[in-house]
Amino acid sequence: MAYFDPGSVIWELESSDKYEAIREIIFSAPIFTEHDTLNLDDFAQRVFDRERIQSTGFGHGVAVAHGRTTQVEHPTVAVGISREGIDYEAIDGEPVHLLFIVANRPDQQMDYLRFLSTLVGMVRDEMFRRDLLSCTHMTAAQEKLCSVFSRLIEKQALPTVTESAS
């Protein structure tokens, strides 16, 4: 399975407010908008509801907002890149420049946790964040995300719940 395929990166987010930025990504990213079964309004509300419980801005200019929905088959992710930064109420009080939005199935928690662990590990690397933010166009950012994430997820290859049951 590939992540950060074409349609998963929103280049130069315009929104500077947390909820507006989440909405901009969900309603702009083809990975979500071209998904036949995903109700965008419902999904956005689920992400907002989760965000109201606790901010998903974990510092270093990164947030990973997420919502559970049975309308996707596997974790689906898009990222918005904001040069100006988003007022996100992050744990370190700093603006967010990389906002990831993840749709995940409630019945696939193990796969989702593996996915999330890989994503967080990737963006905790300061050099990676700098390289990503220094990309000059969307295609370069998308290729960097896809390459690094794919390599890391393969390293973490753990049996999924269905694999270990067989």
Protein backbone atom coordinates (compact mmCIF):
# COMPACT_ATOMS: atom_id res chain seq x y z
CA MET A 1 0.00 0.00 0.00
CA ALA A 2 1.32 3.43 -0.94
CA TYR A 3 0.85 6.64 1.01
CA PHE A 4 1.30 10.23 -0.10
CA ASP A 5 0.26 9.44 -3.65
CA PRO A 6 -0.74 12.28 -6.00
CA GLY A 7 -3.59 14.19 -4.40
CA SER A 8 -2.36 13.86 -0.85
CA VAL A 9 -0.42 17.13 -0.54
CA ILE A 10 -2.01 20.56 -0.32
CA TRP A 11 0.69 23.08 -1.13
CA GLU A 12 0.65 26.50 0.52
CA LEU A 13 -2.38 26.31 2.79
CA GLU A 14 -4.26 29.59 2.89
CA SER A 15 -5.98 29.12 6.27
CA SER A 16 -4.28 30.29 9.44
CA ASP A 17 -6.98 29.01 11.84
CA LYS A 18 -6.87 25.39 13.00
CA TYR A 19 -10.42 24.42 12.02
CA GLU A 20 -10.34 26.34 8.75
CA ALA A 21 -7.05 24.61 7.84
CA ILE A 22 -8.49 21.17 8.63
CA ARG A 23 -11.50 21.96 6.48
CA GLU A 24 -9.31 23.33 3.66
CA ILE A 25 -7.32 20.10 3.51
CA ILE A 26 -10.34 17.78 3.69
CA PHE A 27 -12.23 19.69 1.00
CA SER A 28 -9.18 20.30 -1.25
CA ALA A 29 -7.14 17.10 -1.16
CA PRO A 30 -8.11 14.79 -4.03
CA ILE A 31 -7.20 11.80 -1.83
CA PHE A 32 -10.37 12.74 0.12
CA THR A 33 -12.52 14.56 -2.45
CA GLU A 34 -12.23 11.81 -5.06
CA HIS A 35 -12.97 9.07 -2.52
CA ASP A 36 -16.31 7.60 -3.64
CA THR A 37 -17.62 6.63 -0.21
CA LEU A 38 -16.26 9.38 2.04
CA ASN A 39 -18.80 11.95 3.21
CA LEU A 40 -16.56 15.01 3.60
CA ASP A 41 -18.88 16.94 5.93
CA ASP A 42 -19.26 13.94 8.24
CA PHE A 43 -15.53 13.25 8.23
CA ALA A 44 -14.65 16.90 8.90
CA GLN A 45 -17.04 16.92 11.86
CA ARG A 46 -15.39 13.78 13.27
CA VAL A 47 -11.95 15.41 12.98
CA PHE A 48 -13.28 18.61 14.65
CA ASP A 49 -14.87 16.58 17.46
CA ARG A 50 -11.58 14.75 18.10
CA GLU A 51 -9.64 18.02 18.00
CA ARG A 52 -11.96 19.60 20.59
CA ILE A 53 -11.07 16.81 23.03
CA GLN A 54 -7.36 17.57 22.81
CA SER A 55 -5.16 19.38 20.33
CA THR A 56 -3.26 17.07 18.00
CA GLY A 57 -0.50 19.65 17.56
CA PHE A 58 2.39 17.81 19.18
CA GLY A 59 5.09 20.40 18.62
CA HIS A 60 7.93 21.14 16.22
CA GLY A 61 5.43 22.72 13.80
CA VAL A 62 3.52 19.47 13.26
CA ALA A 63 -0.06 18.33 13.92
CA VAL A 64 -1.71 15.02 13.08
CA ALA A 65 -5.49 15.50 13.18
CA HIS A 66 -7.57 12.39 12.66
CA GLY A 67 -11.05 11.01 12.55
CA ARG A 68 -12.49 7.52 12.62
CA THR A 69 -14.83 6.48 9.85
CA THR A 70 -15.99 3.23 8.28
CA GLN A 71 -16.05 5.06 4.94
CA VAL A 72 -12.38 4.25 4.18
CA GLU A 73 -10.75 0.84 3.71
CA HIS A 74 -7.38 1.71 5.28
CA PRO A 75 -5.68 4.73 6.85
CA THR A 76 -5.89 7.56 4.33
CA VAL A 77 -3.75 10.66 4.79
CA ALA A 78 -3.31 14.13 3.35
CA VAL A 79 -0.97 16.88 4.46
CA GLY A 80 -1.26 20.62 4.21
CA ILE A 81 1.91 22.67 4.13
CA SER A 82 1.73 26.19 5.56
CA ARG A 83 4.72 28.49 5.22
CA GLU A 84 3.02 31.16 7.37
CA GLY A 85 1.98 28.73 10.09
CA ILE A 86 -1.37 27.86 11.63
CA ASP A 87 -2.45 28.96 15.10
CA TYR A 88 -3.10 25.42 16.31
CA GLU A 89 -2.86 25.42 20.12
CA ALA A 90 0.06 22.99 19.82
CA ILE A 91 1.66 21.62 22.95
CA ASP A 92 4.74 23.84 22.48
CA GLY A 93 2.66 26.92 21.62
CA GLU A 94 4.35 27.24 18.21
CA PRO A 95 2.48 27.54 14.90
CA VAL A 96 1.94 24.41 12.81
CA HIS A 97 3.53 24.23 9.35
CA LEU A 98 2.78 20.57 8.56
CA LEU A 99 -0.84 19.54 9.19
CA PHE A 100 -1.59 15.89 8.52
CA ILE A 101 -5.21 14.72 8.33
CA VAL A 102 -5.80 10.98 8.73
CA ALA A 103 -9.00 9.03 8.12
CA ASN A 104 -8.93 5.62 9.76
CA ARG A 105 -11.35 2.76 10.29
CA PRO A 106 -12.34 2.14 13.91
CA ASP A 107 -11.93 -1.62 13.42
CA GLN A 108 -8.31 -1.33 12.24
CA GLN A 109 -6.67 0.17 15.33
CA MET A 110 -3.47 -1.91 15.12
CA ASP A 111 -2.84 -0.89 11.50
CA TYR A 112 -3.63 2.71 12.40
CA LEU A 113 -1.27 2.73 15.39
CA ARG A 114 1.55 1.34 13.23
CA PHE A 115 0.79 3.98 10.60
CA LEU A 116 0.67 6.78 13.20
CA SER A 117 3.88 5.63 14.87
CA THR A 118 5.68 5.70 11.52
CA LEU A 119 4.28 9.12 10.66
CA VAL A 120 5.21 10.65 14.00
CA GLY A 121 8.69 9.10 13.86
CA MET A 122 9.20 10.60 10.41
CA VAL A 123 8.17 14.15 11.32
CA ARG A 124 10.09 14.21 14.60
CA ASP A 125 13.27 14.26 12.54
CA GLU A 126 14.27 17.93 12.35
CA MET A 127 16.27 17.46 9.14
CA PHE A 128 13.30 15.80 7.44
CA ARG A 129 10.98 18.65 8.46
CA ARG A 130 13.46 21.23 7.18
CA ASP A 131 13.94 19.34 3.90
CA LEU A 132 10.19 19.03 3.42
CA LEU A 133 9.53 22.71 4.13
CA SER A 134 12.34 23.72 1.79
CA CYS A 135 10.78 21.91 -1.18
CA THR A 136 9.94 24.37 -3.93
CA HIS A 137 6.89 22.59 -5.35
CA MET A 138 4.21 20.11 -4.42
CA THR A 139 5.62 17.21 -6.45
CA ALA A 140 8.97 17.36 -4.66
CA ALA A 141 7.24 17.39 -1.25
CA GLN A 142 4.99 14.50 -2.25
CA GLU A 143 7.92 12.41 -3.52
CA LYS A 144 9.93 13.07 -0.34
CA LEU A 145 6.98 12.12 1.88
CA CYS A 146 6.21 8.98 -0.12
CA SER A 147 9.83 7.81 -0.25
CA VAL A 148 10.68 8.35 3.42
CA PHE A 149 7.34 7.07 4.75
CA SER A 150 7.43 3.93 2.58
CA ARG A 151 10.96 3.12 3.72
CA LEU A 152 10.06 3.61 7.39
CA ILE A 153 6.79 1.65 7.26
CA GLU A 154 8.62 -1.29 5.67
CA LYS A 155 11.15 -1.25 8.53
CA GLN A 156 8.29 -1.44 11.01
CA ALA A 157 6.52 -4.23 9.13
CA LEU A 158 4.63 -5.99 11.85
CA PRO A 159 1.96 -8.60 11.27
CA THR A 160 -1.50 -7.09 11.12
CA VAL A 161 -4.33 -8.53 13.19
CA THR A 162 -5.56 -10.63 10.25
CA GLU A 163 -2.05 -11.89 9.43
CA SER A 164 -1.34 -12.99 12.99
CA ALA A 165 -4.71 -14.76 13.21
CA SER A 166 -3.94 -17.03 10.27
